[in-house]
């Protein structure tokens, strides 16, 4: 099984997930990259690394723990099993912040609309 993982880009060409990755210290970025590789290569990804967000519109989260930080990258699937990474953030509370979920949902709608799927 190989999933195709791509980065979402806004209409004006910004890439929120790339900006997030670029902001991480080296070792944290390596761990994030390793988890994203699991997403590409494994049939069944352990829920400690990947799970669907309850109460969201098809938004999933990649979960990366490094040192005392919890990193999250939100994503969604397209019809052909492509995984589109929307953006990342450092998680500071138990629940994923509603505004981050809404941001991922807005990016998903935009992506699908520009792909002609809505």
C-alpha atoms as a PDB file:
ATOM      1  CA  UNK A   1       0.000   0.000   0.000  1.00  0.00           C
ATOM      2  CA  UNK A   2       1.328   3.390  -0.884  1.00  0.00           C
ATOM      3  CA  UNK A   3      -0.629   6.550  -0.206  1.00  0.00           C
ATOM      4  CA  UNK A   4       0.208   9.687  -2.087  1.00  0.00           C
ATOM      5  CA  UNK A   5       0.707  12.521   0.434  1.00  0.00           C
ATOM      6  CA  UNK A   6       0.575  16.082  -0.855  1.00  0.00           C
ATOM      7  CA  UNK A   7       0.629  19.530   0.730  1.00  0.00           C
ATOM      8  CA  UNK A   8      -2.397  21.791   0.426  1.00  0.00           C
ATOM      9  CA  UNK A   9      -1.677  25.158  -1.190  1.00  0.00           C
ATOM     10  CA  UNK A  10      -3.911  28.206  -0.895  1.00  0.00           C
ATOM     11  CA  UNK A  11      -5.171  29.912  -4.021  1.00  0.00           C
ATOM     12  CA  UNK A  12      -2.355  32.466  -3.739  1.00  0.00           C
ATOM     13  CA  UNK A  13       0.271  29.719  -3.486  1.00  0.00           C
ATOM     14  CA  UNK A  14       0.927  29.653   0.263  1.00  0.00           C
ATOM     15  CA  UNK A  15       1.621  26.243   1.781  1.00  0.00           C
ATOM     16  CA  UNK A  16       0.643  26.255   5.499  1.00  0.00           C
ATOM     17  CA  UNK A  17       2.013  22.775   6.268  1.00  0.00           C
ATOM     18  CA  UNK A  18       5.393  23.576   4.668  1.00  0.00           C
ATOM     19  CA  UNK A  19       5.578  26.797   6.706  1.00  0.00           C
ATOM     20  CA  UNK A  20       4.843  24.746   9.839  1.00  0.00           C
ATOM     21  CA  UNK A  21       7.512  22.148   9.012  1.00  0.00           C
ATOM     22  CA  UNK A  22      10.035  24.885   8.260  1.00  0.00           C
ATOM     23  CA  UNK A  23       9.383  26.397  11.696  1.00  0.00           C
ATOM     24  CA  UNK A  24      10.247  23.190  13.599  1.00  0.00           C
ATOM     25  CA  UNK A  25      13.628  22.498  15.182  1.00  0.00           C
ATOM     26  CA  UNK A  26      15.655  19.861  13.277  1.00  0.00           C
ATOM     27  CA  UNK A  27      14.995  16.790  15.449  1.00  0.00           C
ATOM     28  CA  UNK A  28      11.264  17.532  15.724  1.00  0.00           C
ATOM     29  CA  UNK A  29      11.068  17.966  11.947  1.00  0.00           C
ATOM     30  CA  UNK A  30      12.776  14.568  11.521  1.00  0.00           C
ATOM     31  CA  UNK A  31      10.200  12.885  13.764  1.00  0.00           C
ATOM     32  CA  UNK A  32       7.321  14.567  11.893  1.00  0.00           C
ATOM     33  CA  UNK A  33       8.803  13.415   8.578  1.00  0.00           C
ATOM     34  CA  UNK A  34       9.112   9.865   9.935  1.00  0.00           C
ATOM     35  CA  UNK A  35       5.415   9.816  10.951  1.00  0.00           C
ATOM     36  CA  UNK A  36       4.389  11.189   7.535  1.00  0.00           C
ATOM     37  CA  UNK A  37       6.389   8.340   5.946  1.00  0.00           C
ATOM     38  CA  UNK A  38       4.303   5.844   7.969  1.00  0.00           C
ATOM     39  CA  UNK A  39       1.204   7.498   6.544  1.00  0.00           C
ATOM     40  CA  UNK A  40       2.533   6.879   3.032  1.00  0.00           C
ATOM     41  CA  UNK A  41       3.753   3.321   3.543  1.00  0.00           C
ATOM     42  CA  UNK A  42       1.628   1.464   6.106  1.00  0.00           C
ATOM     43  CA  UNK A  43      -1.729  -0.179   5.427  1.00  0.00           C
ATOM     44  CA  UNK A  44      -2.813   0.196   9.032  1.00  0.00           C
ATOM     45  CA  UNK A  45      -1.420   3.217  10.810  1.00  0.00           C
ATOM     46  CA  UNK A  46      -1.419   2.985  14.623  1.00  0.00           C
ATOM     47  CA  UNK A  47      -3.978   5.377  16.142  1.00  0.00           C
ATOM     48  CA  UNK A  48      -1.206   6.802  18.295  1.00  0.00           C
ATOM     49  CA  UNK A  49      -0.002   8.436  15.056  1.00  0.00           C
ATOM     50  CA  UNK A  50      -3.160   8.899  13.020  1.00  0.00           C
ATOM     51  CA  UNK A  51      -6.862   9.197  13.754  1.00  0.00           C
ATOM     52  CA  UNK A  52     -10.076  10.774  12.550  1.00  0.00           C
ATOM     53  CA  UNK A  53     -11.248  13.826  14.439  1.00  0.00           C
ATOM     54  CA  UNK A  54     -14.657  13.254  16.011  1.00  0.00           C
ATOM     55  CA  UNK A  55     -17.219  15.843  14.976  1.00  0.00           C
ATOM     56  CA  UNK A  56     -15.261  17.057  11.953  1.00  0.00           C
ATOM     57  CA  UNK A  57     -15.996  16.886   8.258  1.00  0.00           C
ATOM     58  CA  UNK A  58     -13.589  14.151   7.193  1.00  0.00           C
ATOM     59  CA  UNK A  59     -10.591  15.712   8.939  1.00  0.00           C
ATOM     60  CA  UNK A  60      -7.862  13.410  10.258  1.00  0.00           C
ATOM     61  CA  UNK A  61      -4.893  14.260  12.433  1.00  0.00           C
ATOM     62  CA  UNK A  62      -1.311  13.074  12.257  1.00  0.00           C
ATOM     63  CA  UNK A  63      -0.128  12.907  15.840  1.00  0.00           C
ATOM     64  CA  UNK A  64       3.529  13.459  16.617  1.00  0.00           C
ATOM     65  CA  UNK A  65       4.963  13.494  20.112  1.00  0.00           C
ATOM     66  CA  UNK A  66       8.488  14.846  20.461  1.00  0.00           C
ATOM     67  CA  UNK A  67       9.990  15.667  23.827  1.00  0.00           C
ATOM     68  CA  UNK A  68       7.327  17.535  25.780  1.00  0.00           C
ATOM     69  CA  UNK A  69       5.615  18.858  22.635  1.00  0.00           C
ATOM     70  CA  UNK A  70       2.591  17.415  20.870  1.00  0.00           C
ATOM     71  CA  UNK A  71       2.574  18.315  17.184  1.00  0.00           C
ATOM     72  CA  UNK A  72      -0.492  17.893  15.016  1.00  0.00           C
ATOM     73  CA  UNK A  73      -0.909  18.027  11.268  1.00  0.00           C
ATOM     74  CA  UNK A  74      -4.441  17.964   9.928  1.00  0.00           C
ATOM     75  CA  UNK A  75      -5.300  16.272   6.657  1.00  0.00           C
ATOM     76  CA  UNK A  76      -8.070  14.713   4.594  1.00  0.00           C
ATOM     77  CA  UNK A  77      -8.421  12.018   1.940  1.00  0.00           C
ATOM     78  CA  UNK A  78      -9.494  12.570  -1.650  1.00  0.00           C
ATOM     79  CA  UNK A  79     -11.477  10.056  -3.692  1.00  0.00           C
ATOM     80  CA  UNK A  80      -8.319   8.403  -5.051  1.00  0.00           C
ATOM     81  CA  UNK A  81      -6.732   7.807  -1.600  1.00  0.00           C
ATOM     82  CA  UNK A  82      -4.534  10.855  -1.841  1.00  0.00           C
ATOM     83  CA  UNK A  83      -3.839  12.420   1.553  1.00  0.00           C
ATOM     84  CA  UNK A  84      -3.812  16.209   1.571  1.00  0.00           C
ATOM     85  CA  UNK A  85      -1.988  17.783   4.533  1.00  0.00           C
ATOM     86  CA  UNK A  86      -3.603  21.115   5.407  1.00  0.00           C
ATOM     87  CA  UNK A  87      -1.610  22.670   8.244  1.00  0.00           C
ATOM     88  CA  UNK A  88       0.150  21.933  11.508  1.00  0.00           C
ATOM     89  CA  UNK A  89       0.352  23.368  15.000  1.00  0.00           C
ATOM     90  CA  UNK A  90       1.716  22.618  18.450  1.00  0.00           C
ATOM     91  CA  UNK A  91      -1.074  21.221  20.592  1.00  0.00           C
ATOM     92  CA  UNK A  92      -1.345  22.879  23.997  1.00  0.00           C
ATOM     93  CA  UNK A  93      -4.572  21.407  25.414  1.00  0.00           C
ATOM     94  CA  UNK A  94      -6.378  18.055  25.607  1.00  0.00           C
ATOM     95  CA  UNK A  95      -8.739  18.719  22.725  1.00  0.00           C
ATOM     96  CA  UNK A  96      -7.834  19.919  19.257  1.00  0.00           C
ATOM     97  CA  UNK A  97      -8.795  23.610  19.130  1.00  0.00           C
ATOM     98  CA  UNK A  98     -12.080  24.176  17.276  1.00  0.00           C
ATOM     99  CA  UNK A  99     -10.549  27.010  15.226  1.00  0.00           C
ATOM    100  CA  UNK A 100      -7.809  24.661  13.944  1.00  0.00           C
ATOM    101  CA  UNK A 101     -10.432  22.078  12.918  1.00  0.00           C
ATOM    102  CA  UNK A 102     -12.476  24.776  11.170  1.00  0.00           C
ATOM    103  CA  UNK A 103      -9.340  25.973   9.379  1.00  0.00           C
ATOM    104  CA  UNK A 104      -8.671  22.435   8.091  1.00  0.00           C
ATOM    105  CA  UNK A 105     -12.307  22.094   6.972  1.00  0.00           C
ATOM    106  CA  UNK A 106     -12.100  25.425   5.117  1.00  0.00           C
ATOM    107  CA  UNK A 107      -8.875  24.306   3.400  1.00  0.00           C
ATOM    108  CA  UNK A 108     -10.557  21.009   2.438  1.00  0.00           C
ATOM    109  CA  UNK A 109     -13.573  22.817   0.928  1.00  0.00           C
ATOM    110  CA  UNK A 110     -11.270  25.165  -0.970  1.00  0.00           C
ATOM    111  CA  UNK A 111      -9.138  22.275  -2.287  1.00  0.00           C
ATOM    112  CA  UNK A 112     -12.150  20.293  -3.459  1.00  0.00           C
ATOM    113  CA  UNK A 113     -13.828  23.336  -4.993  1.00  0.00           C
ATOM    114  CA  UNK A 114     -10.710  24.217  -6.974  1.00  0.00           C
ATOM    115  CA  UNK A 115     -10.414  20.554  -8.005  1.00  0.00           C
ATOM    116  CA  UNK A 116     -14.026  20.735  -9.238  1.00  0.00           C
ATOM    117  CA  UNK A 117     -15.353  18.198  -6.737  1.00  0.00           C
ATOM    118  CA  UNK A 118     -18.059  20.289  -5.018  1.00  0.00           C
END
